[in-house]
Protein backbone atom coordinates (compact mmCIF):
# COMPACT_ATOMS: atom_id res chain seq x y z
CA ASN A 1 1.88 -6.43 24.72
CA CYS A 2 -0.55 -3.53 25.07
CA SER A 3 -3.90 -2.94 26.73
CA VAL A 4 -7.22 -2.78 24.91
CA MET A 5 -7.27 0.99 25.38
CA GLN A 6 -3.75 1.34 23.96
CA ALA A 7 -4.71 -0.80 20.97
CA ALA A 8 -7.80 1.34 20.37
CA HIS A 9 -5.71 4.51 20.51
CA GLY A 10 -3.27 2.99 18.02
CA ILE A 11 -6.07 2.14 15.59
CA ILE A 12 -7.49 5.66 15.77
CA ASP A 13 -4.05 7.26 15.40
CA MET A 14 -3.36 5.14 12.32
CA ALA A 15 -6.71 6.08 10.75
CA ASN A 16 -6.03 9.77 11.41
CA ALA A 17 -2.54 9.47 9.92
CA HIS A 18 -3.91 7.90 6.71
CA MET A 19 -6.53 10.62 6.31
CA THR A 20 -4.01 13.35 7.07
CA GLN A 21 -1.62 11.99 4.44
CA ALA A 22 -4.40 11.84 1.84
CA LEU A 23 -5.25 15.48 2.55
CA ARG A 24 -1.59 16.45 2.25
CA VAL A 25 -1.53 14.92 -1.24
CA ILE A 26 -4.40 17.15 -2.43
CA SER A 27 -3.18 20.27 -0.65
CA ILE A 28 0.50 20.66 0.22
CA HIS A 29 1.66 18.49 -2.69
CA ARG A 30 -0.32 20.75 -5.02
CA GLY A 31 1.03 23.98 -3.64
CA HIS A 32 -1.80 24.81 -1.21
CA ASN A 33 -1.35 25.60 2.47
CA PRO A 34 -4.02 23.68 4.47
CA SER A 35 -4.17 26.47 7.07
CA ASP A 36 -5.66 28.73 4.38
CA PHE A 37 -8.74 26.49 4.21
CA SER A 38 -11.53 25.09 6.36
CA LEU A 39 -11.84 21.34 6.83
CA PHE A 40 -15.13 19.98 5.44
CA PRO A 41 -15.63 16.49 6.92
CA PHE A 42 -18.42 14.18 5.82
CA GLY A 43 -19.45 10.56 6.00
CA GLY A 44 -20.66 8.71 9.06
CA ALA A 45 -17.23 8.79 10.73
CA GLY A 46 -15.97 12.16 9.48
CA GLY A 47 -17.25 13.90 12.57
CA LEU A 48 -15.31 11.56 14.85
CA HIS A 49 -11.91 12.29 13.29
CA MET A 50 -12.31 15.93 12.19
CA CYS A 51 -10.66 17.70 15.15
CA ALA A 52 -7.60 15.44 15.27
CA VAL A 53 -7.06 15.61 11.49
CA ALA A 54 -7.47 19.39 11.43
CA GLU A 55 -4.92 19.81 14.22
CA GLN A 56 -2.39 17.61 12.42
CA LEU A 57 -2.78 19.72 9.27
CA GLY A 58 -2.69 23.09 11.04
CA ILE A 59 -6.27 23.88 10.04
CA TRP A 60 -8.05 26.26 12.41
CA GLN A 61 -11.62 26.04 11.14
CA ILE A 62 -14.04 23.18 10.46
CA LEU A 63 -17.44 23.32 8.77
CA MET A 64 -19.47 20.23 9.68
CA PRO A 65 -22.46 19.97 7.33
CA ARG A 66 -25.90 18.88 8.33
CA ASN A 67 -26.63 15.21 7.55
CA ALA A 68 -22.93 14.62 6.87
CA GLY A 69 -23.36 10.84 6.78
CA ILE A 70 -25.58 10.98 3.68
CA LEU A 71 -23.84 13.91 1.97
CA SER A 72 -22.49 11.73 -0.85
CA ALA A 73 -25.95 10.27 -1.51
CA GLN A 74 -27.44 13.75 -1.61
CA GLY A 75 -24.71 14.76 -4.03
CA MET A 76 -25.76 11.99 -6.40
CA LEU A 77 -29.33 13.27 -6.33
CA TYR A 78 -28.39 16.89 -7.05
CA ALA A 79 -25.37 16.39 -9.31
CA PRO A 80 -25.73 17.57 -12.93
CA VAL A 81 -26.53 14.93 -15.54
CA GLY A 82 -24.01 14.92 -18.34
CA GLN A 83 -21.72 13.18 -20.77
CA MET A 84 -17.94 13.32 -21.06
CA SER A 85 -16.13 12.70 -24.33
CA SER A 86 -12.36 12.53 -24.64
CA ARG A 87 -9.66 12.04 -27.25
CA SER A 88 -6.05 10.97 -26.70
CA VAL A 89 -3.57 13.07 -28.67
CA CYS A 90 -0.05 12.66 -27.21
CA GLN A 91 1.89 15.19 -29.24
CA LEU A 92 4.00 18.25 -28.54
CA TRP A 93 2.17 21.53 -28.07
CA THR A 94 3.03 23.85 -30.98
CA HIS A 95 1.42 26.74 -32.81
CA GLU A 96 -0.53 24.22 -34.91
CA SER A 97 -1.90 22.52 -31.78
CA HIS A 98 -4.26 25.42 -31.14
CA ARG A 99 -6.08 24.82 -34.43
CA LEU A 100 -6.08 21.04 -33.86
CA ALA A 101 -7.57 21.47 -30.38
CA THR A 102 -10.32 23.74 -31.71
CA SER A 103 -11.25 21.17 -34.36
CA LEU A 104 -11.20 18.19 -32.01
CA PHE A 105 -13.18 20.03 -29.36
CA THR A 106 -15.92 20.62 -31.93
CA GLN A 107 -16.03 16.90 -32.75
CA LEU A 108 -16.07 15.90 -29.07
CA GLU A 109 -18.79 18.42 -28.29
CA ASN A 110 -20.99 17.10 -31.09
CA ASP A 111 -20.43 13.55 -29.87
CA ALA A 112 -21.35 14.41 -26.28
CA LEU A 113 -24.46 16.36 -27.31
CA SER A 114 -25.59 13.53 -29.58
CA GLN A 115 -25.33 10.96 -26.79
CA LEU A 116 -27.28 13.20 -24.42
CA GLN A 117 -30.02 13.80 -26.98
CA GLN A 118 -30.51 10.04 -27.33
CA ILE A 119 -31.64 9.90 -23.68
CA GLY A 120 -33.68 13.10 -23.86
CA ILE A 121 -31.28 15.47 -22.12
CA HIS A 122 -30.58 18.96 -23.38
CA ALA A 123 -27.13 20.17 -22.32
CA GLN A 124 -27.05 23.61 -20.74
CA ARG A 125 -23.30 23.90 -20.17
CA ILE A 126 -20.20 22.74 -21.97
CA GLU A 127 -16.69 22.66 -20.52
CA ARG A 128 -13.51 21.99 -22.50
CA TRP A 129 -10.33 20.74 -20.84
CA LEU A 130 -6.75 20.07 -21.89
CA GLU A 131 -4.52 17.54 -20.14
CA LEU A 132 -0.89 18.63 -20.46
CA ARG A 133 2.53 17.68 -19.12
CA TYR A 134 6.16 18.46 -19.69
CA GLN A 135 7.75 16.00 -22.10
CA GLY A 136 9.01 12.99 -20.14
CA GLN A 137 6.56 13.35 -17.26
CA SER A 138 4.01 10.66 -16.41
CA SER A 139 1.36 12.81 -14.70
CA THR A 140 -0.71 15.52 -16.32
CA ILE A 141 -2.33 18.79 -15.28
CA SER A 142 -5.88 19.61 -16.38
CA LEU A 143 -6.28 23.09 -17.82
CA ALA A 144 -9.57 24.77 -18.79
CA TRP A 145 -9.51 25.62 -22.50
CA ASP A 146 -9.28 29.32 -23.26
CA GLU A 147 -9.43 29.76 -27.01
CA CYS A 148 -7.74 33.14 -26.81
CA GLY A 149 -5.33 32.33 -24.01
CA ASP A 150 -1.64 31.44 -23.92
CA VAL A 151 -1.66 27.70 -23.15
CA SER A 152 2.09 27.45 -22.54
CA ARG A 153 2.07 30.27 -20.01
CA SER A 154 -1.07 29.00 -18.25
CA PHE A 155 0.38 25.50 -18.00
CA GLY A 156 3.65 26.86 -16.61
CA GLU A 157 1.79 28.84 -13.94
CA ALA A 158 -0.32 25.80 -13.01
CA HIS A 159 2.83 23.65 -12.78
CA GLN A 160 4.51 26.28 -10.62
CA GLN A 161 1.56 26.32 -8.22
CA ARG A 162 1.33 22.54 -7.94
CA TYR A 163 4.98 21.51 -7.94
CA GLY A 164 6.82 24.71 -7.03
CA PHE A 165 8.72 25.13 -10.31
CA MET A 166 8.29 25.53 -14.06
CA LEU A 167 10.50 24.63 -17.01
CA ALA A 168 10.22 27.67 -19.25
CA LYS A 169 11.95 26.20 -22.31
CA HIS A 170 11.00 22.54 -21.88
CA PRO A 171 8.61 21.06 -24.49
CA ILE A 172 4.99 20.63 -23.43
CA GLU A 173 2.92 17.62 -24.47
CA LEU A 174 -0.79 17.68 -25.16
CA VAL A 175 -2.01 14.32 -23.85
CA THR A 176 -5.80 14.38 -23.86
CA LEU A 177 -8.72 16.61 -24.80
CA ARG A 178 -11.96 16.36 -22.80
CA VAL A 179 -15.42 17.84 -23.25
CA TRP A 180 -17.99 17.77 -20.46
CA ALA A 181 -21.56 18.59 -21.53
CA TYR A 182 -24.19 18.59 -18.81
CA GLN A 183 -27.63 19.69 -17.68
CA ASP A 184 -28.16 21.21 -14.26
CA VAL A 185 -30.83 19.71 -12.01
CA PRO A 186 -33.05 21.75 -9.66
CA GLN A 187 -31.28 22.39 -6.40
CA PRO A 188 -33.13 21.85 -3.12
CA GLU A 189 -34.09 24.64 -0.80
CA LEU A 190 -32.04 24.46 2.37
CA GLU A 191 -34.18 24.07 5.47
CA ARG A 192 -33.61 26.47 8.32
CA LEU A 193 -33.65 25.26 11.89
CA ASP A 194 -37.02 25.37 13.62
CA ASN A 195 -35.59 25.17 17.12
CA ASP A 196 -35.54 28.43 19.06
CA LYS A 197 -34.07 26.94 22.22
CA PRO A 198 -31.38 24.27 22.41
CA GLY A 199 -32.25 20.95 24.00
CA PRO A 200 -30.40 19.76 27.11
CA PRO A 201 -27.82 16.92 26.97
CA ILE A 202 -29.53 13.54 26.79
CA ASP A 203 -26.71 11.81 28.65
CA HIS A 204 -23.02 11.93 29.57
CA CYS A 205 -20.16 9.58 28.77
CA GLN A 206 -16.61 9.06 29.92
CA ILE A 207 -13.91 9.64 27.29
CA ASP A 208 -10.32 8.60 27.80
CA GLY A 209 -8.16 11.62 28.57
CA GLU A 210 -11.04 13.73 29.92
CA SER A 211 -11.32 14.09 33.68
CA GLU A 212 -15.04 14.92 33.66
CA ALA A 213 -18.00 13.27 31.99
CA VAL A 214 -18.64 14.56 28.46
CA PRO A 215 -22.17 15.74 27.52
CA ILE A 216 -24.03 13.96 24.70
CA LEU A 217 -26.26 16.19 22.56
CA LEU A 218 -28.79 15.41 19.84
CA ARG A 219 -28.15 17.33 16.65
CA ALA A 220 -31.88 17.46 15.95
CA GLN A 221 -32.26 19.54 19.13
CA LEU A 222 -29.57 22.12 18.32
CA ALA A 223 -30.74 25.71 17.84
CA ASN A 224 -29.64 28.50 15.53
CA GLY A 225 -26.71 30.36 17.08
CA GLN A 226 -26.16 27.79 19.82
CA GLN A 227 -22.62 27.83 21.20
CA ILE A 228 -20.95 24.45 21.72
CA ARG A 229 -17.72 23.91 23.59
CA GLY A 230 -15.62 20.81 23.54
CA PRO A 231 -15.39 18.20 24.71
CA SER A 232 -18.86 17.25 23.43
CA VAL A 233 -20.44 14.33 21.61
CA ILE A 234 -23.26 15.05 19.14
CA LEU A 235 -25.49 12.29 17.77
CA GLU A 236 -27.44 12.43 14.54
CA ASP A 237 -29.18 9.80 12.42
CA SER A 238 -26.31 9.43 9.95
CA GLY A 239 -23.24 9.77 12.15
CA THR A 240 -21.55 10.84 15.36
CA LEU A 241 -19.55 14.00 16.02
CA PHE A 242 -16.85 14.46 18.62
CA ILE A 243 -15.75 18.00 19.40
CA ALA A 244 -12.40 17.94 21.18
CA SER A 245 -11.65 20.09 24.20
CA SER A 246 -9.53 22.50 22.14
CA TRP A 247 -12.45 23.42 19.86
CA ARG A 248 -15.57 25.54 20.14
CA GLY A 249 -18.46 25.79 17.71
CA GLU A 250 -21.56 27.67 16.66
CA VAL A 251 -24.67 26.29 14.97
CA THR A 252 -25.67 28.12 11.79
CA GLU A 253 -29.23 28.92 10.79
CA TYR A 254 -29.21 25.93 8.41
CA GLY A 255 -28.02 23.48 11.02
CA HIS A 256 -24.37 23.28 10.02
CA ILE A 257 -21.76 23.57 12.75
CA ARG A 258 -18.88 26.00 12.30
CA LEU A 259 -15.97 25.04 14.56
CA GLN A 260 -12.89 27.04 15.46
CA MET A 261 -9.85 26.00 17.41
CA ASN A 262 -9.67 27.62 20.80
CA THR A 263 -6.23 29.22 20.80
CA ASP A 264 -6.47 29.77 24.56
CA CYS A 265 -6.18 26.03 25.14
CA PRO A 266 -2.69 24.64 25.80
């Protein structure tokens, strides 16, 4: 019993709600205030939902990368090549655990390096991680291994940050040890924009809720330092961006768009 437009609004609202909840899980639920961060949307549809999601989370800034629709594919090309080795332990953390961890890390490191050598890769970096939890918990917290550090204190601080409390005298369990050995790959040089002058809108469209026609811009024609005010639609080969009326943006020299909420808007 609703119109096509109402149904479309409902679909979009539901999608925004799911994305907002997912972002709450990795921010608020881990002790981070989303308003302290910038939203970094990507994917072909990230640019369509970014303003609404940011507003629901209380985020005031958005950084929309160039070629956002293929960002994940680019990440695969430039990600380090490596090998992860792990060992399940599941025992209480005690004074003896420090020596055990040191010994097992050596074994895991040798195993990871050996597997990389078989495919002709020389590891340049090695990371060691502990997965810990309070006894009786089901989820763990990953902690970078510091051979000279106080593991119990570091875990308590990490638990405090994520969950808002620590159990000073409660036993801690060492669940898993992980070693990540990897080789960096050459990183690409970022291309600066060649455009000195911004191109004009290629068209206009009508958007529900906006009284006037909204300009449609081509991202390939944006210029360094160009100011963009919402509402605007920006088209690029790998996606579409919608800048809501309560946002304004500036194009960086590398073609990214830095958006900020316009606090003057109602």
